[in-house]
Amino acid sequence: LLLLLSTFAAVAIGWIIPFTPVGAFFGLVPLSPFMLLAIAGIVAV
């Protein structure tokens, strides 16, 4: 359960960060839903 939670938490944090001031600090920007879907598709394949 801990491995499952930690890996999915890492992914969730990664997806949230670009939409926050922390993301802006690191030079990350929000992506469009289409681009996020494209990334999810690439990862799934």
All heavy atoms as atom14 arrays in JSON, in Angstrom:
{
  "sequence": "LLLLLSTFAAVAIGWIIPFTPVGAFFGLVPLSPFMLLAIAGIVAV",
  "atom14_mask": [
    [1, 1, 1, 1, 1, 1, 1, 1, 0, 0, 0, 0, 0, 0],
    [1, 1, 1, 1, 1, 1, 1, 1, 0, 0, 0, 0, 0, 0],
    [1, 1, 1, 1, 1, 1, 1, 1, 0, 0, 0, 0, 0, 0],
    [1, 1, 1, 1, 1, 1, 1, 1, 0, 0, 0, 0, 0, 0],
    [1, 1, 1, 1, 1, 1, 1, 1, 0, 0, 0, 0, 0, 0],
    [1, 1, 1, 1, 1, 1, 0, 0, 0, 0, 0, 0, 0, 0],
    [1, 1, 1, 1, 1, 1, 1, 0, 0, 0, 0, 0, 0, 0],
    [1, 1, 1, 1, 1, 1, 1, 1, 1, 1, 1, 0, 0, 0],
    [1, 1, 1, 1, 1, 0, 0, 0, 0, 0, 0, 0, 0, 0],
    [1, 1, 1, 1, 1, 0, 0, 0, 0, 0, 0, 0, 0, 0],
    [1, 1, 1, 1, 1, 1, 1, 0, 0, 0, 0, 0, 0, 0],
    [1, 1, 1, 1, 1, 0, 0, 0, 0, 0, 0, 0, 0, 0],
    [1, 1, 1, 1, 1, 1, 1, 1, 0, 0, 0, 0, 0, 0],
    [1, 1, 1, 1, 0, 0, 0, 0, 0, 0, 0, 0, 0, 0],
    [1, 1, 1, 1, 1, 1, 1, 1, 1, 1, 1, 1, 1, 1],
    [1, 1, 1, 1, 1, 1, 1, 1, 0, 0, 0, 0, 0, 0],
    [1, 1, 1, 1, 1, 1, 1, 1, 0, 0, 0, 0, 0, 0],
    [1, 1, 1, 1, 1, 1, 1, 0, 0, 0, 0, 0, 0, 0],
    [1, 1, 1, 1, 1, 1, 1, 1, 1, 1, 1, 0, 0, 0],
    [1, 1, 1, 1, 1, 1, 1, 0, 0, 0, 0, 0, 0, 0],
    [1, 1, 1, 1, 1, 1, 1, 0, 0, 0, 0, 0, 0, 0],
    [1, 1, 1, 1, 1, 1, 1, 0, 0, 0, 0, 0, 0, 0],
    [1, 1, 1, 1, 0, 0, 0, 0, 0, 0, 0, 0, 0, 0],
    [1, 1, 1, 1, 1, 0, 0, 0, 0, 0, 0, 0, 0, 0],
    [1, 1, 1, 1, 1, 1, 1, 1, 1, 1, 1, 0, 0, 0],
    [1, 1, 1, 1, 1, 1, 1, 1, 1, 1, 1, 0, 0, 0],
    [1, 1, 1, 1, 0, 0, 0, 0, 0, 0, 0, 0, 0, 0],
    [1, 1, 1, 1, 1, 1, 1, 1, 0, 0, 0, 0, 0, 0],
    [1, 1, 1, 1, 1, 1, 1, 0, 0, 0, 0, 0, 0, 0],
    [1, 1, 1, 1, 1, 1, 1, 0, 0, 0, 0, 0, 0, 0],
    [1, 1, 1, 1, 1, 1, 1, 1, 0, 0, 0, 0, 0, 0],
    [1, 1, 1, 1, 1, 1, 0, 0, 0, 0, 0, 0, 0, 0],
    [1, 1, 1, 1, 1, 1, 1, 0, 0, 0, 0, 0, 0, 0],
    [1, 1, 1, 1, 1, 1, 1, 1, 1, 1, 1, 0, 0, 0],
    [1, 1, 1, 1, 1, 1, 1, 1, 0, 0, 0, 0, 0, 0],
    [1, 1, 1, 1, 1, 1, 1, 1, 0, 0, 0, 0, 0, 0],
    [1, 1, 1, 1, 1, 1, 1, 1, 0, 0, 0, 0, 0, 0],
    [1, 1, 1, 1, 1, 0, 0, 0, 0, 0, 0, 0, 0, 0],
    [1, 1, 1, 1, 1, 1, 1, 1, 0, 0, 0, 0, 0, 0],
    [1, 1, 1, 1, 1, 0, 0, 0, 0, 0, 0, 0, 0, 0],
    [1, 1, 1, 1, 0, 0, 0, 0, 0, 0, 0, 0, 0, 0],
    [1, 1, 1, 1, 1, 1, 1, 1, 0, 0, 0, 0, 0, 0],
    [1, 1, 1, 1, 1, 1, 1, 0, 0, 0, 0, 0, 0, 0],
    [1, 1, 1, 1, 1, 0, 0, 0, 0, 0, 0, 0, 0, 0],
    [1, 1, 1, 1, 1, 1, 1, 0, 0, 0, 0, 0, 0, 0]
  ],
  "atom14_positions": [
    [[0.83, -1.2, 0.0], [0.0, 0.0, 0.0], [0.87, 1.26, 0.0], [0.57, 2.21, -0.71], [-0.94, 0.0, 1.21], [-1.86, 1.21, 1.34], [-2.77, 1.32, 0.11], [-2.68, 1.12, 2.63], [0.0, 0.0, 0.0], [0.0, 0.0, 0.0], [0.0, 0.0, 0.0], [0.0, 0.0, 0.0], [0.0, 0.0, 0.0], [0.0, 0.0, 0.0]],
    [[1.96, 1.24, 0.76], [2.83, 2.42, 0.81], [3.49, 2.7, -0.54], [3.58, 3.85, -0.96], [3.9, 2.26, 1.89], [3.4, 2.42, 3.33], [4.55, 2.16, 4.31], [2.82, 3.8, 3.55], [0.0, 0.0, 0.0], [0.0, 0.0, 0.0], [0.0, 0.0, 0.0], [0.0, 0.0, 0.0], [0.0, 0.0, 0.0], [0.0, 0.0, 0.0]],
    [[3.94, 1.65, -1.22], [4.54, 1.86, -2.55], [3.5, 2.38, -3.53], [3.76, 3.31, -4.3], [5.16, 0.56, -3.07], [5.84, 0.66, -4.44], [6.98, 1.68, -4.43], [6.33, -0.7, -4.9], [0.0, 0.0, 0.0], [0.0, 0.0, 0.0], [0.0, 0.0, 0.0], [0.0, 0.0, 0.0], [0.0, 0.0, 0.0], [0.0, 0.0, 0.0]],
    [[2.33, 1.81, -3.47], [1.24, 2.26, -4.35], [0.91, 3.73, -4.1], [0.84, 4.53, -5.04], [0.01, 1.39, -4.13], [-1.16, 1.62, -5.06], [-0.81, 1.19, -6.47], [-2.37, 0.84, -4.57], [0.0, 0.0, 0.0], [0.0, 0.0, 0.0], [0.0, 0.0, 0.0], [0.0, 0.0, 0.0], [0.0, 0.0, 0.0], [0.0, 0.0, 0.0]],
    [[0.74, 4.09, -2.84], [0.39, 5.47, -2.5], [1.52, 6.44, -2.85], [1.26, 7.53, -3.38], [0.06, 5.58, -1.01], [-1.23, 4.89, -0.56], [-1.37, 4.96, 0.96], [-2.45, 5.48, -1.25], [0.0, 0.0, 0.0], [0.0, 0.0, 0.0], [0.0, 0.0, 0.0], [0.0, 0.0, 0.0], [0.0, 0.0, 0.0], [0.0, 0.0, 0.0]],
    [[2.75, 6.06, -2.58], [3.86, 6.99, -2.83], [4.07, 7.23, -4.33], [4.36, 8.35, -4.74], [5.16, 6.49, -2.18], [5.64, 5.33, -2.81], [0.0, 0.0, 0.0], [0.0, 0.0, 0.0], [0.0, 0.0, 0.0], [0.0, 0.0, 0.0], [0.0, 0.0, 0.0], [0.0, 0.0, 0.0], [0.0, 0.0, 0.0], [0.0, 0.0, 0.0]],
    [[3.91, 6.19, -5.14], [4.12, 6.39, -6.57], [2.99, 7.21, -7.19], [3.24, 8.1, -8.0], [4.3, 5.06, -7.32], [3.21, 4.2, -7.04], [5.6, 4.37, -6.93], [0.0, 0.0, 0.0], [0.0, 0.0, 0.0], [0.0, 0.0, 0.0], [0.0, 0.0, 0.0], [0.0, 0.0, 0.0], [0.0, 0.0, 0.0], [0.0, 0.0, 0.0]],
    [[1.76, 6.92, -6.79], [0.66, 7.7, -7.36], [0.62, 9.11, -6.79], [0.22, 10.04, -7.49], [-0.66, 6.95, -7.21], [-0.78, 5.83, -8.21], [-0.47, 4.52, -7.86], [-1.13, 6.09, -9.53], [-0.53, 3.5, -8.8], [-1.19, 5.08, -10.48], [-0.88, 3.79, -10.1], [0.0, 0.0, 0.0], [0.0, 0.0, 0.0], [0.0, 0.0, 0.0]],
    [[1.08, 9.29, -5.56], [1.19, 10.65, -5.01], [2.24, 11.45, -5.78], [2.04, 12.63, -6.07], [1.54, 10.6, -3.53], [0.0, 0.0, 0.0], [0.0, 0.0, 0.0], [0.0, 0.0, 0.0], [0.0, 0.0, 0.0], [0.0, 0.0, 0.0], [0.0, 0.0, 0.0], [0.0, 0.0, 0.0], [0.0, 0.0, 0.0], [0.0, 0.0, 0.0]],
    [[3.35, 10.81, -6.14], [4.4, 11.49, -6.91], [3.86, 11.95, -8.25], [4.12, 13.08, -8.68], [5.6, 10.57, -7.1], [0.0, 0.0, 0.0], [0.0, 0.0, 0.0], [0.0, 0.0, 0.0], [0.0, 0.0, 0.0], [0.0, 0.0, 0.0], [0.0, 0.0, 0.0], [0.0, 0.0, 0.0], [0.0, 0.0, 0.0], [0.0, 0.0, 0.0]],
    [[3.11, 11.08, -8.92], [2.52, 11.45, -10.21], [1.53, 12.6, -10.03], [1.54, 13.57, -10.79], [1.86, 10.23, -10.88], [1.05, 10.64, -12.1], [2.93, 9.21, -11.27], [0.0, 0.0, 0.0], [0.0, 0.0, 0.0], [0.0, 0.0, 0.0], [0.0, 0.0, 0.0], [0.0, 0.0, 0.0], [0.0, 0.0, 0.0], [0.0, 0.0, 0.0]],
    [[0.69, 12.5, -9.02], [-0.3, 13.56, -8.78], [0.39, 14.9, -8.48], [0.0, 15.94, -9.01], [-1.22, 13.17, -7.62], [0.0, 0.0, 0.0], [0.0, 0.0, 0.0], [0.0, 0.0, 0.0], [0.0, 0.0, 0.0], [0.0, 0.0, 0.0], [0.0, 0.0, 0.0], [0.0, 0.0, 0.0], [0.0, 0.0, 0.0], [0.0, 0.0, 0.0]],
    [[1.42, 14.86, -7.66], [2.15, 16.09, -7.34], [2.76, 16.67, -8.61], [2.7, 17.88, -8.84], [3.23, 15.81, -6.27], [2.56, 15.57, -4.92], [4.24, 16.95, -6.19], [3.48, 15.0, -3.86], [0.0, 0.0, 0.0], [0.0, 0.0, 0.0], [0.0, 0.0, 0.0], [0.0, 0.0, 0.0], [0.0, 0.0, 0.0], [0.0, 0.0, 0.0]],
    [[3.33, 15.8, -9.44], [3.91, 16.27, -10.7], [2.89, 16.95, -11.58], [3.19, 17.95, -12.23], [0.0, 0.0, 0.0], [0.0, 0.0, 0.0], [0.0, 0.0, 0.0], [0.0, 0.0, 0.0], [0.0, 0.0, 0.0], [0.0, 0.0, 0.0], [0.0, 0.0, 0.0], [0.0, 0.0, 0.0], [0.0, 0.0, 0.0], [0.0, 0.0, 0.0]],
    [[1.68, 16.42, -11.62], [0.64, 17.0, -12.47], [0.07, 18.29, -11.88], [-0.38, 19.16, -12.62], [-0.48, 15.99, -12.7], [-0.12, 15.01, -13.77], [0.91, 14.12, -13.72], [-0.73, 14.86, -15.04], [0.95, 13.41, -14.9], [-0.04, 13.83, -15.72], [-1.81, 15.47, -15.66], [-0.38, 13.43, -16.99], [-2.16, 15.05, -16.93], [-1.45, 14.04, -17.59]],
    [[0.12, 18.43, -10.57], [-0.43, 19.63, -9.92], [0.57, 20.79, -9.94], [0.17, 21.95, -10.13], [-0.85, 19.29, -8.47], [-2.06, 18.35, -8.48], [-1.15, 20.56, -7.67], [-2.37, 17.73, -7.12], [0.0, 0.0, 0.0], [0.0, 0.0, 0.0], [0.0, 0.0, 0.0], [0.0, 0.0, 0.0], [0.0, 0.0, 0.0], [0.0, 0.0, 0.0]],
    [[1.84, 20.49, -9.76], [2.86, 21.54, -9.62], [2.81, 22.61, -10.72], [2.91, 23.8, -10.41], [4.27, 20.93, -9.49], [4.45, 20.37, -8.08], [5.36, 21.94, -9.8], [5.79, 19.73, -7.85], [0.0, 0.0, 0.0], [0.0, 0.0, 0.0], [0.0, 0.0, 0.0], [0.0, 0.0, 0.0], [0.0, 0.0, 0.0], [0.0, 0.0, 0.0]],
    [[2.66, 22.27, -12.0], [2.68, 23.33, -13.02], [1.55, 24.36, -12.85], [1.64, 25.46, -13.4], [2.52, 22.57, -14.33], [3.05, 21.21, -14.05], [2.66, 20.94, -12.62], [0.0, 0.0, 0.0], [0.0, 0.0, 0.0], [0.0, 0.0, 0.0], [0.0, 0.0, 0.0], [0.0, 0.0, 0.0], [0.0, 0.0, 0.0], [0.0, 0.0, 0.0]],
    [[0.52, 24.01, -12.12], [-0.62, 24.91, -11.92], [-0.5, 25.74, -10.65], [-1.45, 26.41, -10.25], [-1.93, 24.1, -11.88], [-2.22, 23.41, -13.19], [-1.78, 22.11, -13.41], [-2.89, 24.06, -14.2], [-2.04, 21.47, -14.61], [-3.15, 23.44, -15.41], [-2.72, 22.14, -15.62], [0.0, 0.0, 0.0], [0.0, 0.0, 0.0], [0.0, 0.0, 0.0]],
    [[0.67, 25.7, -10.0], [0.87, 26.39, -8.72], [2.01, 27.4, -8.82], [2.81, 27.36, -9.76], [1.22, 25.37, -7.61], [2.54, 24.83, -7.88], [0.19, 24.25, -7.52], [0.0, 0.0, 0.0], [0.0, 0.0, 0.0], [0.0, 0.0, 0.0], [0.0, 0.0, 0.0], [0.0, 0.0, 0.0], [0.0, 0.0, 0.0], [0.0, 0.0, 0.0]],
    [[2.12, 28.27, -7.82], [3.26, 29.19, -7.77], [4.6, 28.44, -7.66], [5.62, 28.92, -8.16], [3.0, 30.03, -6.52], [1.51, 29.98, -6.35], [1.09, 28.62, -6.81], [0.0, 0.0, 0.0], [0.0, 0.0, 0.0], [0.0, 0.0, 0.0], [0.0, 0.0, 0.0], [0.0, 0.0, 0.0], [0.0, 0.0, 0.0], [0.0, 0.0, 0.0]],
    [[4.59, 27.27, -7.03], [5.81, 26.47, -6.95], [6.25, 26.09, -8.37], [7.44, 26.15, -8.71], [5.6, 25.21, -6.09], [6.8, 24.28, -6.15], [5.29, 25.59, -4.65], [0.0, 0.0, 0.0], [0.0, 0.0, 0.0], [0.0, 0.0, 0.0], [0.0, 0.0, 0.0], [0.0, 0.0, 0.0], [0.0, 0.0, 0.0], [0.0, 0.0, 0.0]],
    [[5.29, 25.68, -9.19], [5.62, 25.35, -10.58], [6.19, 26.54, -11.33], [7.18, 26.4, -12.07], [0.0, 0.0, 0.0], [0.0, 0.0, 0.0], [0.0, 0.0, 0.0], [0.0, 0.0, 0.0], [0.0, 0.0, 0.0], [0.0, 0.0, 0.0], [0.0, 0.0, 0.0], [0.0, 0.0, 0.0], [0.0, 0.0, 0.0], [0.0, 0.0, 0.0]],
    [[5.59, 27.7, -11.13], [6.1, 28.91, -11.78], [7.53, 29.19, -11.34], [8.38, 29.58, -12.14], [5.19, 30.09, -11.47], [0.0, 0.0, 0.0], [0.0, 0.0, 0.0], [0.0, 0.0, 0.0], [0.0, 0.0, 0.0], [0.0, 0.0, 0.0], [0.0, 0.0, 0.0], [0.0, 0.0, 0.0], [0.0, 0.0, 0.0], [0.0, 0.0, 0.0]],
    [[7.82, 28.99, -10.06], [9.16, 29.19, -9.53], [10.17, 28.3, -10.26], [11.3, 28.72, -10.54], [9.2, 28.9, -8.02], [10.57, 28.96, -7.42], [11.15, 30.18, -7.12], [11.29, 27.8, -7.18], [12.43, 30.24, -6.57], [12.56, 27.84, -6.64], [13.13, 29.07, -6.33], [0.0, 0.0, 0.0], [0.0, 0.0, 0.0], [0.0, 0.0, 0.0]],
    [[9.77, 27.09, -10.59], [10.64, 26.14, -11.28], [10.57, 26.25, -12.8], [11.18, 25.48, -13.53], [10.32, 24.7, -10.85], [10.84, 24.37, -9.49], [10.01, 24.4, -8.38], [12.17, 24.01, -9.3], [10.49, 24.09, -7.12], [12.66, 23.7, -8.05], [11.82, 23.74, -6.94], [0.0, 0.0, 0.0], [0.0, 0.0, 0.0], [0.0, 0.0, 0.0]],
    [[9.8, 27.22, -13.29], [9.7, 27.44, -14.74], [8.73, 26.5, -15.43], [8.76, 26.37, -16.66], [0.0, 0.0, 0.0], [0.0, 0.0, 0.0], [0.0, 0.0, 0.0], [0.0, 0.0, 0.0], [0.0, 0.0, 0.0], [0.0, 0.0, 0.0], [0.0, 0.0, 0.0], [0.0, 0.0, 0.0], [0.0, 0.0, 0.0], [0.0, 0.0, 0.0]],
    [[7.86, 25.84, -14.68], [6.85, 24.96, -15.25], [5.58, 25.76, -15.49], [5.27, 26.69, -14.75], [6.57, 23.78, -14.31], [7.8, 22.92, -13.99], [7.46, 21.9, -12.9], [8.32, 22.23, -15.23], [0.0, 0.0, 0.0], [0.0, 0.0, 0.0], [0.0, 0.0, 0.0], [0.0, 0.0, 0.0], [0.0, 0.0, 0.0], [0.0, 0.0, 0.0]],
    [[4.84, 25.4, -16.53], [3.63, 26.14, -16.89], [2.46, 25.16, -17.04], [2.66, 23.99, -17.34], [3.83, 26.92, -18.2], [4.91, 27.99, -18.04], [4.16, 26.0, -19.36], [0.0, 0.0, 0.0], [0.0, 0.0, 0.0], [0.0, 0.0, 0.0], [0.0, 0.0, 0.0], [0.0, 0.0, 0.0], [0.0, 0.0, 0.0], [0.0, 0.0, 0.0]],
    [[1.24, 25.64, -16.83], [0.07, 24.77, -17.05], [-0.01, 24.34, -18.51], [0.27, 25.12, -19.42], [-1.11, 25.66, -16.68], [-0.55, 26.75, -15.82], [0.86, 26.95, -16.31], [0.0, 0.0, 0.0], [0.0, 0.0, 0.0], [0.0, 0.0, 0.0], [0.0, 0.0, 0.0], [0.0, 0.0, 0.0], [0.0, 0.0, 0.0], [0.0, 0.0, 0.0]],
    [[-0.38, 23.08, -18.71], [-0.57, 22.57, -20.06], [-2.06, 22.44, -20.35], [-2.86, 22.28, -19.44], [0.1, 21.2, -20.22], [1.61, 21.14, -19.98], [2.12, 19.72, -20.19], [2.34, 22.1, -20.89], [0.0, 0.0, 0.0], [0.0, 0.0, 0.0], [0.0, 0.0, 0.0], [0.0, 0.0, 0.0], [0.0, 0.0, 0.0], [0.0, 0.0, 0.0]],
    [[-2.4, 22.5, -21.62], [-3.8, 22.36, -22.02], [-4.26, 20.92, -21.75], [-3.44, 20.0, -21.7], [-3.96, 22.67, -23.5], [-3.39, 21.62, -24.27], [0.0, 0.0, 0.0], [0.0, 0.0, 0.0], [0.0, 0.0, 0.0], [0.0, 0.0, 0.0], [0.0, 0.0, 0.0], [0.0, 0.0, 0.0], [0.0, 0.0, 0.0], [0.0, 0.0, 0.0]],
    [[-5.56, 20.73, -21.57], [-6.08, 19.36, -21.38], [-5.67, 18.43, -22.52], [-5.37, 17.26, -22.28], [-7.6, 19.55, -21.33], [-7.78, 20.95, -20.84], [-6.63, 21.72, -21.42], [0.0, 0.0, 0.0], [0.0, 0.0, 0.0], [0.0, 0.0, 0.0], [0.0, 0.0, 0.0], [0.0, 0.0, 0.0], [0.0, 0.0, 0.0], [0.0, 0.0, 0.0]],
    [[-5.62, 18.93, -23.73], [-5.23, 18.1, -24.87], [-3.78, 17.62, -24.72], [-3.47, 16.46, -25.0], [-5.41, 18.89, -26.18], [-5.06, 18.08, -27.39], [-5.89, 17.05, -27.82], [-3.89, 18.34, -28.08], [-5.56, 16.29, -28.94], [-3.55, 17.59, -29.2], [-4.4, 16.56, -29.63], [0.0, 0.0, 0.0], [0.0, 0.0, 0.0], [0.0, 0.0, 0.0]],
    [[-2.89, 18.51, -24.3], [-1.49, 18.13, -24.12], [-1.34, 17.15, -22.96], [-0.55, 16.2, -23.04], [-0.62, 19.36, -23.91], [-0.47, 20.18, -25.16], [0.63, 21.56, -24.87], [0.48, 22.41, -26.42], [0.0, 0.0, 0.0], [0.0, 0.0, 0.0], [0.0, 0.0, 0.0], [0.0, 0.0, 0.0], [0.0, 0.0, 0.0], [0.0, 0.0, 0.0]],
    [[-2.08, 17.37, -21.89], [-2.04, 16.43, -20.77], [-2.54, 15.05, -21.19], [-1.97, 14.03, -20.8], [-2.87, 16.97, -19.59], [-2.33, 18.22, -18.91], [-3.33, 18.75, -17.9], [-0.98, 17.93, -18.26], [0.0, 0.0, 0.0], [0.0, 0.0, 0.0], [0.0, 0.0, 0.0], [0.0, 0.0, 0.0], [0.0, 0.0, 0.0], [0.0, 0.0, 0.0]],
    [[-3.57, 15.04, -22.01], [-4.1, 13.78, -22.53], [-3.06, 13.09, -23.43], [-2.89, 11.87, -23.38], [-5.4, 14.02, -23.29], [-6.15, 12.79, -23.77], [-6.55, 11.92, -22.59], [-7.39, 13.21, -24.55], [0.0, 0.0, 0.0], [0.0, 0.0, 0.0], [0.0, 0.0, 0.0], [0.0, 0.0, 0.0], [0.0, 0.0, 0.0], [0.0, 0.0, 0.0]],
    [[-2.36, 13.87, -24.23], [-1.31, 13.31, -25.09], [-0.21, 12.67, -24.25], [0.25, 11.57, -24.56], [-0.74, 14.4, -26.0], [0.0, 0.0, 0.0], [0.0, 0.0, 0.0], [0.0, 0.0, 0.0], [0.0, 0.0, 0.0], [0.0, 0.0, 0.0], [0.0, 0.0, 0.0], [0.0, 0.0, 0.0], [0.0, 0.0, 0.0], [0.0, 0.0, 0.0]],
    [[0.19, 13.34, -23.18], [1.22, 12.79, -22.29], [0.71, 11.51, -21.64], [1.42, 10.5, -21.57], [1.65, 13.82, -21.23], [2.37, 14.99, -21.91], [2.54, 13.17, -20.17], [2.59, 16.18, -21.02], [0.0, 0.0, 0.0], [0.0, 0.0, 0.0], [0.0, 0.0, 0.0], [0.0, 0.0, 0.0], [0.0, 0.0, 0.0], [0.0, 0.0, 0.0]],
    [[-0.52, 11.53, -21.15], [-1.1, 10.33, -20.52], [-1.14, 9.18, -21.53], [-0.86, 8.02, -21.17], [-2.49, 10.63, -19.98], [0.0, 0.0, 0.0], [0.0, 0.0, 0.0], [0.0, 0.0, 0.0], [0.0, 0.0, 0.0], [0.0, 0.0, 0.0], [0.0, 0.0, 0.0], [0.0, 0.0, 0.0], [0.0, 0.0, 0.0], [0.0, 0.0, 0.0]],
    [[-1.47, 9.48, -22.77], [-1.51, 8.45, -23.81], [-0.13, 7.87, -24.07], [0.03, 6.65, -24.2], [0.0, 0.0, 0.0], [0.0, 0.0, 0.0], [0.0, 0.0, 0.0], [0.0, 0.0, 0.0], [0.0, 0.0, 0.0], [0.0, 0.0, 0.0], [0.0, 0.0, 0.0], [0.0, 0.0, 0.0], [0.0, 0.0, 0.0], [0.0, 0.0, 0.0]],
    [[0.86, 8.73, -24.17], [2.24, 8.27, -24.39], [2.66, 7.36, -23.24], [3.23, 6.28, -23.46], [3.2, 9.47, -24.52], [2.99, 10.19, -25.85], [4.66, 9.03, -24.37], [3.71, 11.51, -25.96], [0.0, 0.0, 0.0], [0.0, 0.0, 0.0], [0.0, 0.0, 0.0], [0.0, 0.0, 0.0], [0.0, 0.0, 0.0], [0.0, 0.0, 0.0]],
    [[2.37, 7.76, -22.02], [2.77, 6.97, -20.85], [2.02, 5.63, -20.83], [2.62, 4.58, -20.55], [2.54, 7.76, -19.55], [2.74, 6.88, -18.32], [3.47, 8.97, -19.5], [0.0, 0.0, 0.0], [0.0, 0.0, 0.0], [0.0, 0.0, 0.0], [0.0, 0.0, 0.0], [0.0, 0.0, 0.0], [0.0, 0.0, 0.0], [0.0, 0.0, 0.0]],
    [[0.74, 5.65, -21.15], [-0.04, 4.39, -21.17], [0.52, 3.41, -22.2], [0.68, 2.22, -21.91], [-1.51, 4.7, -21.45], [0.0, 0.0, 0.0], [0.0, 0.0, 0.0], [0.0, 0.0, 0.0], [0.0, 0.0, 0.0], [0.0, 0.0, 0.0], [0.0, 0.0, 0.0], [0.0, 0.0, 0.0], [0.0, 0.0, 0.0], [0.0, 0.0, 0.0]],
    [[0.83, 3.9, -23.39], [1.38, 3.02, -24.43], [2.76, 2.52, -24.01], [3.1, 1.35, -24.19], [1.42, 3.73, -25.8], [2.15, 2.89, -26.84], [0.01, 4.05, -26.27], [0.0, 0.0, 0.0], [0.0, 0.0, 0.0], [0.0, 0.0, 0.0], [0.0, 0.0, 0.0], [0.0, 0.0, 0.0], [0.0, 0.0, 0.0], [0.0, 0.0, 0.0]]
  ]
}
